Amino acid sequence: MATLDTESTSGRLIAASKVNGTTVYDNTGVKIGSVYDLMLDKVSGKPDYAVLSFGGIFGLGARYHPLPWGQLHYDTRLGGYVLNNGREQLEGAPSYAVDELSMWDETRSNDIDSYYGEPAYGPGEVGGAGLRSRNAI
């Protein structure tokens, strides 16, 4: 069976497996953590949240901060993602221990969206499109 070579992805696309571990910088260019995982909309396949690993030493005591995907942008000069707002916003954001990440529901999504000033959607709703993802086509 053939395998996909994700080591050499380039251009504007990136393999999802390569996003995990990508460095995240604050809006002044200071490294603050990395992407731990992505939360994808099951229907559209588009990313809704990036889960950032932030704080802790060697993974111990780290907190995980899901934030709406639109709160990050990729900086080719830095080779990583940059928070649109300052580190201070992330420090006060909803965060979870690693064992709490699997307990995801619409209430958690709406709490995160509300914190970041994103529109909150009801179950299965997105502006009449019937999708949860704010990134739906």
C-alpha atoms as a PDB file:
ATOM      1  CA  MET A   1       0.000   0.000   0.000  1.00  0.00           C
ATOM      2  CA  ALA A   2       1.367   3.405  -0.980  1.00  0.00           C
ATOM      3  CA  THR A   3       1.899   6.055   1.685  1.00  0.00           C
ATOM      4  CA  LEU A   4       1.621   9.823   1.419  1.00  0.00           C
ATOM      5  CA  ASP A   5       4.909  11.677   1.734  1.00  0.00           C
ATOM      6  CA  THR A   6       3.938  14.468   4.134  1.00  0.00           C
ATOM      7  CA  GLU A   7       7.545  15.440   4.836  1.00  0.00           C
ATOM      8  CA  SER A   8       7.809  17.435   1.639  1.00  0.00           C
ATOM      9  CA  THR A   9       4.520  19.328   1.592  1.00  0.00           C
ATOM     10  CA  SER A  10       5.096  22.873   0.440  1.00  0.00           C
ATOM     11  CA  GLY A  11       3.328  25.863  -1.052  1.00  0.00           C
ATOM     12  CA  ARG A  12       0.073  27.010   0.489  1.00  0.00           C
ATOM     13  CA  LEU A  13      -1.024  23.549   1.659  1.00  0.00           C
ATOM     14  CA  ILE A  14       0.272  21.596   4.641  1.00  0.00           C
ATOM     15  CA  ALA A  15      -0.477  18.068   5.779  1.00  0.00           C
ATOM     16  CA  ALA A  16      -2.522  18.071   8.988  1.00  0.00           C
ATOM     17  CA  SER A  17       0.067  15.781  10.564  1.00  0.00           C
ATOM     18  CA  LYS A  18       2.669  18.528  10.095  1.00  0.00           C
ATOM     19  CA  VAL A  19       0.533  21.217  11.768  1.00  0.00           C
ATOM     20  CA  ASN A  20       0.765  19.359  15.078  1.00  0.00           C
ATOM     21  CA  GLY A  21       3.986  20.498  16.720  1.00  0.00           C
ATOM     22  CA  THR A  22       4.266  23.717  14.694  1.00  0.00           C
ATOM     23  CA  THR A  23       5.544  26.593  16.818  1.00  0.00           C
ATOM     24  CA  VAL A  24       3.119  29.329  17.852  1.00  0.00           C
ATOM     25  CA  TYR A  25       4.312  32.889  18.470  1.00  0.00           C
ATOM     26  CA  ASP A  26       2.651  35.841  20.152  1.00  0.00           C
ATOM     27  CA  ASN A  27       1.981  38.966  18.087  1.00  0.00           C
ATOM     28  CA  THR A  28       5.471  40.298  18.920  1.00  0.00           C
ATOM     29  CA  GLY A  29       7.245  37.206  17.526  1.00  0.00           C
ATOM     30  CA  VAL A  30       8.041  35.541  20.873  1.00  0.00           C
ATOM     31  CA  LYS A  31       7.598  31.748  20.949  1.00  0.00           C
ATOM     32  CA  ILE A  32       4.807  30.786  23.353  1.00  0.00           C
ATOM     33  CA  GLY A  33       3.999  27.170  22.572  1.00  0.00           C
ATOM     34  CA  SER A  34       3.015  24.833  19.791  1.00  0.00           C
ATOM     35  CA  VAL A  35      -0.008  23.360  18.074  1.00  0.00           C
ATOM     36  CA  TYR A  36      -0.956  20.208  19.970  1.00  0.00           C
ATOM     37  CA  ASP A  37      -3.870  19.218  17.765  1.00  0.00           C
ATOM     38  CA  LEU A  38      -6.585  20.441  15.416  1.00  0.00           C
ATOM     39  CA  MET A  39     -10.336  20.100  15.826  1.00  0.00           C
ATOM     40  CA  LEU A  40     -11.933  19.583  12.410  1.00  0.00           C
ATOM     41  CA  ASP A  41     -15.573  19.941  11.472  1.00  0.00           C
ATOM     42  CA  LYS A  42     -16.737  16.414  10.615  1.00  0.00           C
ATOM     43  CA  VAL A  43     -18.948  17.557   7.732  1.00  0.00           C
ATOM     44  CA  SER A  44     -16.890  20.269   6.020  1.00  0.00           C
ATOM     45  CA  GLY A  45     -13.470  18.873   6.961  1.00  0.00           C
ATOM     46  CA  LYS A  46     -12.247  22.381   7.735  1.00  0.00           C
ATOM     47  CA  PRO A  47     -10.419  23.302  10.955  1.00  0.00           C
ATOM     48  CA  ASP A  48     -12.541  24.904  13.648  1.00  0.00           C
ATOM     49  CA  TYR A  49      -9.994  25.048  16.478  1.00  0.00           C
ATOM     50  CA  ALA A  50      -6.272  24.804  17.020  1.00  0.00           C
ATOM     51  CA  VAL A  51      -5.429  23.312  20.399  1.00  0.00           C
ATOM     52  CA  LEU A  52      -2.277  24.965  21.693  1.00  0.00           C
ATOM     53  CA  SER A  53       0.099  23.468  24.215  1.00  0.00           C
ATOM     54  CA  PHE A  54       1.082  26.314  26.497  1.00  0.00           C
ATOM     55  CA  GLY A  55       3.058  26.400  29.728  1.00  0.00           C
ATOM     56  CA  GLY A  56       4.488  23.536  31.711  1.00  0.00           C
ATOM     57  CA  ILE A  57       7.970  22.093  31.597  1.00  0.00           C
ATOM     58  CA  PHE A  58       8.667  19.092  29.351  1.00  0.00           C
ATOM     59  CA  GLY A  59       4.907  18.614  29.017  1.00  0.00           C
ATOM     60  CA  LEU A  60       4.323  18.450  32.777  1.00  0.00           C
ATOM     61  CA  GLY A  61       1.681  20.856  33.983  1.00  0.00           C
ATOM     62  CA  ALA A  62       0.944  22.023  30.455  1.00  0.00           C
ATOM     63  CA  ARG A  63      -2.486  23.442  29.773  1.00  0.00           C
ATOM     64  CA  TYR A  64      -4.197  23.066  26.426  1.00  0.00           C
ATOM     65  CA  HIS A  65      -5.912  26.080  24.912  1.00  0.00           C
ATOM     66  CA  PRO A  66      -8.358  25.529  22.073  1.00  0.00           C
ATOM     67  CA  LEU A  67      -8.840  28.693  20.082  1.00  0.00           C
ATOM     68  CA  PRO A  68     -10.776  29.414  16.906  1.00  0.00           C
ATOM     69  CA  TRP A  69      -8.632  28.671  13.863  1.00  0.00           C
ATOM     70  CA  GLY A  70      -9.152  32.240  12.613  1.00  0.00           C
ATOM     71  CA  GLN A  71      -7.265  33.564  15.663  1.00  0.00           C
ATOM     72  CA  LEU A  72      -3.997  32.358  14.084  1.00  0.00           C
ATOM     73  CA  HIS A  73      -2.208  33.220  10.881  1.00  0.00           C
ATOM     74  CA  TYR A  74       0.850  31.591   9.350  1.00  0.00           C
ATOM     75  CA  ASP A  75       4.020  33.675   9.161  1.00  0.00           C
ATOM     76  CA  THR A  76       6.405  32.384   6.503  1.00  0.00           C
ATOM     77  CA  ARG A  77       9.283  34.396   7.962  1.00  0.00           C
ATOM     78  CA  LEU A  78       8.907  32.739  11.381  1.00  0.00           C
ATOM     79  CA  GLY A  79       7.867  29.366   9.966  1.00  0.00           C
ATOM     80  CA  GLY A  80       5.006  29.112  12.447  1.00  0.00           C
ATOM     81  CA  TYR A  81       1.625  30.414  13.489  1.00  0.00           C
ATOM     82  CA  VAL A  82       1.125  33.808  15.117  1.00  0.00           C
ATOM     83  CA  LEU A  83      -1.672  34.793  17.481  1.00  0.00           C
ATOM     84  CA  ASN A  84      -3.729  37.647  16.099  1.00  0.00           C
ATOM     85  CA  ASN A  85      -4.004  39.082  19.618  1.00  0.00           C
ATOM     86  CA  GLY A  86      -1.515  39.201  22.460  1.00  0.00           C
ATOM     87  CA  ARG A  87      -0.381  36.445  24.777  1.00  0.00           C
ATOM     88  CA  GLU A  88      -2.447  38.042  27.538  1.00  0.00           C
ATOM     89  CA  GLN A  89      -5.664  36.998  25.812  1.00  0.00           C
ATOM     90  CA  LEU A  90      -4.460  33.401  25.665  1.00  0.00           C
ATOM     91  CA  GLU A  91      -3.478  33.425  29.341  1.00  0.00           C
ATOM     92  CA  GLY A  92      -7.070  34.229  30.360  1.00  0.00           C
ATOM     93  CA  ALA A  93      -8.674  31.871  27.821  1.00  0.00           C
ATOM     94  CA  PRO A  94     -10.470  28.611  28.549  1.00  0.00           C
ATOM     95  CA  SER A  95      -7.881  25.866  29.000  1.00  0.00           C
ATOM     96  CA  TYR A  96      -7.948  22.190  29.822  1.00  0.00           C
ATOM     97  CA  ALA A  97      -5.783  19.364  31.090  1.00  0.00           C
ATOM     98  CA  VAL A  98      -4.871  16.788  28.454  1.00  0.00           C
ATOM     99  CA  ASP A  99      -7.406  14.272  29.823  1.00  0.00           C
ATOM    100  CA  GLU A 100     -10.220  16.836  29.459  1.00  0.00           C
ATOM    101  CA  LEU A 101      -9.677  17.383  25.724  1.00  0.00           C
ATOM    102  CA  SER A 102     -11.764  14.372  24.699  1.00  0.00           C
ATOM    103  CA  MET A 103     -14.846  15.775  26.464  1.00  0.00           C
ATOM    104  CA  TRP A 104     -15.871  18.143  23.649  1.00  0.00           C
ATOM    105  CA  ASP A 105     -19.432  19.340  23.114  1.00  0.00           C
ATOM    106  CA  GLU A 106     -21.305  22.365  21.751  1.00  0.00           C
ATOM    107  CA  THR A 107     -21.241  24.045  25.182  1.00  0.00           C
ATOM    108  CA  ARG A 108     -17.433  23.979  25.174  1.00  0.00           C
ATOM    109  CA  SER A 109     -17.355  25.271  21.584  1.00  0.00           C
ATOM    110  CA  ASN A 110     -19.731  28.115  22.452  1.00  0.00           C
ATOM    111  CA  ASP A 111     -17.718  29.023  25.585  1.00  0.00           C
ATOM    112  CA  ILE A 112     -14.525  29.250  23.532  1.00  0.00           C
ATOM    113  CA  ASP A 113     -16.227  31.184  20.727  1.00  0.00           C
ATOM    114  CA  SER A 114     -17.722  33.608  23.237  1.00  0.00           C
ATOM    115  CA  TYR A 115     -14.354  34.237  24.889  1.00  0.00           C
ATOM    116  CA  TYR A 116     -12.735  35.067  21.549  1.00  0.00           C
ATOM    117  CA  GLY A 117     -15.688  37.118  20.288  1.00  0.00           C
ATOM    118  CA  GLU A 118     -16.600  34.590  17.599  1.00  0.00           C
ATOM    119  CA  PRO A 119     -20.255  33.957  16.702  1.00  0.00           C
ATOM    120  CA  ALA A 120     -21.733  31.122  18.743  1.00  0.00           C
ATOM    121  CA  TYR A 121     -23.746  28.507  16.898  1.00  0.00           C
ATOM    122  CA  GLY A 122     -26.429  26.138  18.089  1.00  0.00           C
ATOM    123  CA  PRO A 123     -26.075  22.393  17.497  1.00  0.00           C
ATOM    124  CA  GLY A 124     -25.673  21.732  13.778  1.00  0.00           C
ATOM    125  CA  GLU A 125     -26.146  25.393  12.898  1.00  0.00           C
ATOM    126  CA  VAL A 126     -24.075  27.864  10.914  1.00  0.00           C
ATOM    127  CA  GLY A 127     -25.887  30.778   9.377  1.00  0.00           C
ATOM    128  CA  GLY A 128     -28.508  28.483   7.906  1.00  0.00           C
ATOM    129  CA  ALA A 129     -25.923  26.257   6.216  1.00  0.00           C
ATOM    130  CA  GLY A 130     -26.583  23.401   8.630  1.00  0.00           C
ATOM    131  CA  LEU A 131     -22.896  23.038   9.530  1.00  0.00           C
ATOM    132  CA  ARG A 132     -21.131  23.760  12.804  1.00  0.00           C
ATOM    133  CA  SER A 133     -17.955  25.041  11.201  1.00  0.00           C
ATOM    134  CA  ARG A 134     -17.430  28.808  10.961  1.00  0.00           C
ATOM    135  CA  ASN A 135     -15.203  27.896   8.038  1.00  0.00           C
ATOM    136  CA  ALA A 136     -17.935  26.188   6.033  1.00  0.00           C
ATOM    137  CA  ILE A 137     -18.135  26.986   2.348  1.00  0.00           C
END
